[in-house]
Amino acid sequence: MLTDINPKLPMRDKSVTHSYYSNQLGFKVFGSADYDGYLMMEKDQIQIHFFEFKELEPKENYGQVYIRTDNIDEFYRSLLEKQTKIHPNGKLETKPWGQKEFSLLDPDNNLLTFGQTI
């Protein structure tokens, strides 16, 4: 019965979030409506929604999303070409649990981890 999931993450500034996800990660705005304080971004089959939280303290934000991919090497390489900052402890590597993963932090300190089963 469950068919999809669209995580909702906090953002302080809609234009900064939009710019980061579109320019660095290749996401596009989902839909044609422009809601005050709300943003929906998509890439391939993935949608992430953002809600405005102007008072957010990034160092106190624990928003996290795990996104599966079927070509992690190519995606990682494309991010490096765009000089997207990878989390210092999140470089691409094979984990003991059978996933190849890497992580990054968006401008509001939301942790995005990308993984592929090996």
C-alpha atoms as a PDB file:
ATOM      1  CA  MET A   1       0.000   0.000   0.000  1.00  0.00           C
ATOM      2  CA  LEU A   2       2.819   2.474   0.650  1.00  0.00           C
ATOM      3  CA  THR A   3       4.142   3.793  -2.638  1.00  0.00           C
ATOM      4  CA  ASP A   4       6.541   6.670  -2.048  1.00  0.00           C
ATOM      5  CA  ILE A   5       8.289   8.833   0.516  1.00  0.00           C
ATOM      6  CA  ASN A   6       9.165  12.522   0.267  1.00  0.00           C
ATOM      7  CA  PRO A   7      11.307  13.671   3.181  1.00  0.00           C
ATOM      8  CA  LYS A   8      10.790  17.192   4.522  1.00  0.00           C
ATOM      9  CA  LEU A   9      13.885  19.074   5.648  1.00  0.00           C
ATOM     10  CA  PRO A  10      14.292  22.514   7.212  1.00  0.00           C
ATOM     11  CA  MET A  11      15.727  25.453   5.273  1.00  0.00           C
ATOM     12  CA  ARG A  12      16.588  28.970   6.377  1.00  0.00           C
ATOM     13  CA  ASP A  13      16.551  30.622   2.953  1.00  0.00           C
ATOM     14  CA  LYS A  14      14.538  29.288   0.035  1.00  0.00           C
ATOM     15  CA  SER A  15      16.747  30.878  -2.642  1.00  0.00           C
ATOM     16  CA  VAL A  16      19.945  29.458  -1.101  1.00  0.00           C
ATOM     17  CA  THR A  17      18.405  25.980  -0.848  1.00  0.00           C
ATOM     18  CA  HIS A  18      17.076  26.172  -4.407  1.00  0.00           C
ATOM     19  CA  SER A  19      20.444  27.287  -5.747  1.00  0.00           C
ATOM     20  CA  TYR A  20      22.389  24.560  -3.923  1.00  0.00           C
ATOM     21  CA  TYR A  21      20.115  21.688  -4.918  1.00  0.00           C
ATOM     22  CA  SER A  22      19.813  22.800  -8.538  1.00  0.00           C
ATOM     23  CA  ASN A  23      23.379  23.970  -9.225  1.00  0.00           C
ATOM     24  CA  GLN A  24      25.334  21.491  -7.120  1.00  0.00           C
ATOM     25  CA  LEU A  25      23.144  18.381  -7.116  1.00  0.00           C
ATOM     26  CA  GLY A  26      21.188  18.696 -10.360  1.00  0.00           C
ATOM     27  CA  PHE A  27      17.688  18.843  -8.845  1.00  0.00           C
ATOM     28  CA  LYS A  28      14.814  20.770 -10.431  1.00  0.00           C
ATOM     29  CA  VAL A  29      11.803  22.448  -8.875  1.00  0.00           C
ATOM     30  CA  PHE A  30       8.830  20.080  -8.700  1.00  0.00           C
ATOM     31  CA  GLY A  31       5.499  21.494  -9.829  1.00  0.00           C
ATOM     32  CA  SER A  32       4.594  24.959 -11.011  1.00  0.00           C
ATOM     33  CA  ALA A  33       3.219  26.514  -7.807  1.00  0.00           C
ATOM     34  CA  ASP A  34       5.508  28.725  -5.730  1.00  0.00           C
ATOM     35  CA  TYR A  35       4.496  28.370  -2.091  1.00  0.00           C
ATOM     36  CA  ASP A  36       5.636  30.839   0.534  1.00  0.00           C
ATOM     37  CA  GLY A  37       8.155  29.157   2.809  1.00  0.00           C
ATOM     38  CA  TYR A  38       7.990  25.795   1.030  1.00  0.00           C
ATOM     39  CA  LEU A  39      10.083  24.254  -1.741  1.00  0.00           C
ATOM     40  CA  MET A  40       9.822  20.937  -3.573  1.00  0.00           C
ATOM     41  CA  MET A  41      12.849  19.679  -5.518  1.00  0.00           C
ATOM     42  CA  GLU A  42      13.248  16.508  -7.579  1.00  0.00           C
ATOM     43  CA  LYS A  43      15.911  14.550  -9.432  1.00  0.00           C
ATOM     44  CA  ASP A  44      15.093  11.339 -11.267  1.00  0.00           C
ATOM     45  CA  GLN A  45      12.656   9.482  -8.949  1.00  0.00           C
ATOM     46  CA  ILE A  46      13.634  11.413  -5.795  1.00  0.00           C
ATOM     47  CA  GLN A  47      11.692  14.309  -4.277  1.00  0.00           C
ATOM     48  CA  ILE A  48      12.800  16.306  -1.258  1.00  0.00           C
ATOM     49  CA  HIS A  49      10.529  18.916   0.295  1.00  0.00           C
ATOM     50  CA  PHE A  50      11.795  21.846   2.341  1.00  0.00           C
ATOM     51  CA  PHE A  51       9.977  23.975   4.897  1.00  0.00           C
ATOM     52  CA  GLU A  52      11.102  27.408   5.991  1.00  0.00           C
ATOM     53  CA  PHE A  53      12.683  27.586   9.442  1.00  0.00           C
ATOM     54  CA  LYS A  54      14.436  30.959   9.587  1.00  0.00           C
ATOM     55  CA  GLU A  55      15.549  30.508  13.213  1.00  0.00           C
ATOM     56  CA  LEU A  56      17.286  27.188  12.470  1.00  0.00           C
ATOM     57  CA  GLU A  57      20.732  26.893  14.015  1.00  0.00           C
ATOM     58  CA  PRO A  58      22.606  24.748  11.468  1.00  0.00           C
ATOM     59  CA  LYS A  59      24.882  23.203  14.109  1.00  0.00           C
ATOM     60  CA  GLU A  60      21.765  22.011  15.938  1.00  0.00           C
ATOM     61  CA  ASN A  61      20.085  20.555  12.851  1.00  0.00           C
ATOM     62  CA  TYR A  62      20.003  16.781  12.644  1.00  0.00           C
ATOM     63  CA  GLY A  63      17.990  16.457   9.412  1.00  0.00           C
ATOM     64  CA  GLN A  64      19.157  13.387   7.500  1.00  0.00           C
ATOM     65  CA  VAL A  65      18.163  11.558   4.336  1.00  0.00           C
ATOM     66  CA  TYR A  66      19.567   8.341   2.842  1.00  0.00           C
ATOM     67  CA  ILE A  67      19.209   8.247  -0.953  1.00  0.00           C
ATOM     68  CA  ARG A  68      19.858   5.104  -2.960  1.00  0.00           C
ATOM     69  CA  THR A  69      21.429   5.310  -6.397  1.00  0.00           C
ATOM     70  CA  ASP A  70      22.276   2.830  -9.141  1.00  0.00           C
ATOM     71  CA  ASN A  71      25.458   4.591 -10.319  1.00  0.00           C
ATOM     72  CA  ILE A  72      27.180   6.077  -7.308  1.00  0.00           C
ATOM     73  CA  ASP A  73      30.595   6.386  -8.969  1.00  0.00           C
ATOM     74  CA  GLU A  74      29.282   8.559 -11.804  1.00  0.00           C
ATOM     75  CA  PHE A  75      27.175  10.711  -9.471  1.00  0.00           C
ATOM     76  CA  TYR A  76      30.098  11.213  -7.065  1.00  0.00           C
ATOM     77  CA  ARG A  77      32.396  12.145  -9.952  1.00  0.00           C
ATOM     78  CA  SER A  78      29.855  14.677 -11.260  1.00  0.00           C
ATOM     79  CA  LEU A  79      29.698  16.341  -7.845  1.00  0.00           C
ATOM     80  CA  LEU A  80      33.477  16.560  -7.630  1.00  0.00           C
ATOM     81  CA  GLU A  81      33.548  18.166 -11.092  1.00  0.00           C
ATOM     82  CA  LYS A  82      31.129  20.832  -9.792  1.00  0.00           C
ATOM     83  CA  GLN A  83      33.370  21.242  -6.733  1.00  0.00           C
ATOM     84  CA  THR A  84      30.528  20.215  -4.431  1.00  0.00           C
ATOM     85  CA  LYS A  85      31.860  19.966  -0.908  1.00  0.00           C
ATOM     86  CA  ILE A  86      31.799  16.369   0.350  1.00  0.00           C
ATOM     87  CA  HIS A  87      31.462  15.802   4.116  1.00  0.00           C
ATOM     88  CA  PRO A  88      34.979  15.461   5.602  1.00  0.00           C
ATOM     89  CA  ASN A  89      34.020  12.075   7.076  1.00  0.00           C
ATOM     90  CA  GLY A  90      31.841  11.114   4.118  1.00  0.00           C
ATOM     91  CA  LYS A  91      34.176  10.396   1.213  1.00  0.00           C
ATOM     92  CA  LEU A  92      33.092   7.659  -1.191  1.00  0.00           C
ATOM     93  CA  GLU A  93      33.931   4.268   0.277  1.00  0.00           C
ATOM     94  CA  THR A  94      32.654   0.731   0.629  1.00  0.00           C
ATOM     95  CA  LYS A  95      31.079   0.122   4.033  1.00  0.00           C
ATOM     96  CA  PRO A  96      31.117  -3.164   5.990  1.00  0.00           C
ATOM     97  CA  TRP A  97      27.343  -3.428   5.558  1.00  0.00           C
ATOM     98  CA  GLY A  98      27.641  -3.910   1.790  1.00  0.00           C
ATOM     99  CA  GLN A  99      26.971  -0.353   0.622  1.00  0.00           C
ATOM    100  CA  LYS A 100      29.180   2.039  -1.303  1.00  0.00           C
ATOM    101  CA  GLU A 101      28.395   5.455   0.212  1.00  0.00           C
ATOM    102  CA  PHE A 102      29.299   9.115   0.511  1.00  0.00           C
ATOM    103  CA  SER A 103      27.772  12.040   2.381  1.00  0.00           C
ATOM    104  CA  LEU A 104      27.482  15.801   2.166  1.00  0.00           C
ATOM    105  CA  LEU A 105      25.907  18.625   4.142  1.00  0.00           C
ATOM    106  CA  ASP A 106      23.588  21.129   2.500  1.00  0.00           C
ATOM    107  CA  PRO A 107      23.675  24.843   3.457  1.00  0.00           C
ATOM    108  CA  ASP A 108      21.406  24.177   6.456  1.00  0.00           C
ATOM    109  CA  ASN A 109      23.456  21.226   7.717  1.00  0.00           C
ATOM    110  CA  ASN A 110      21.014  18.567   6.505  1.00  0.00           C
ATOM    111  CA  LEU A 111      23.042  15.381   6.019  1.00  0.00           C
ATOM    112  CA  LEU A 112      22.515  13.695   2.638  1.00  0.00           C
ATOM    113  CA  THR A 113      23.979  10.205   2.343  1.00  0.00           C
ATOM    114  CA  PHE A 114      23.995   8.504  -1.031  1.00  0.00           C
ATOM    115  CA  GLY A 115      24.413   4.741  -1.242  1.00  0.00           C
ATOM    116  CA  GLN A 116      24.490   1.845  -3.662  1.00  0.00           C
ATOM    117  CA  THR A 117      24.365  -1.849  -2.842  1.00  0.00           C
ATOM    118  CA  ILE A 118      27.480  -3.659  -4.037  1.00  0.00           C
END
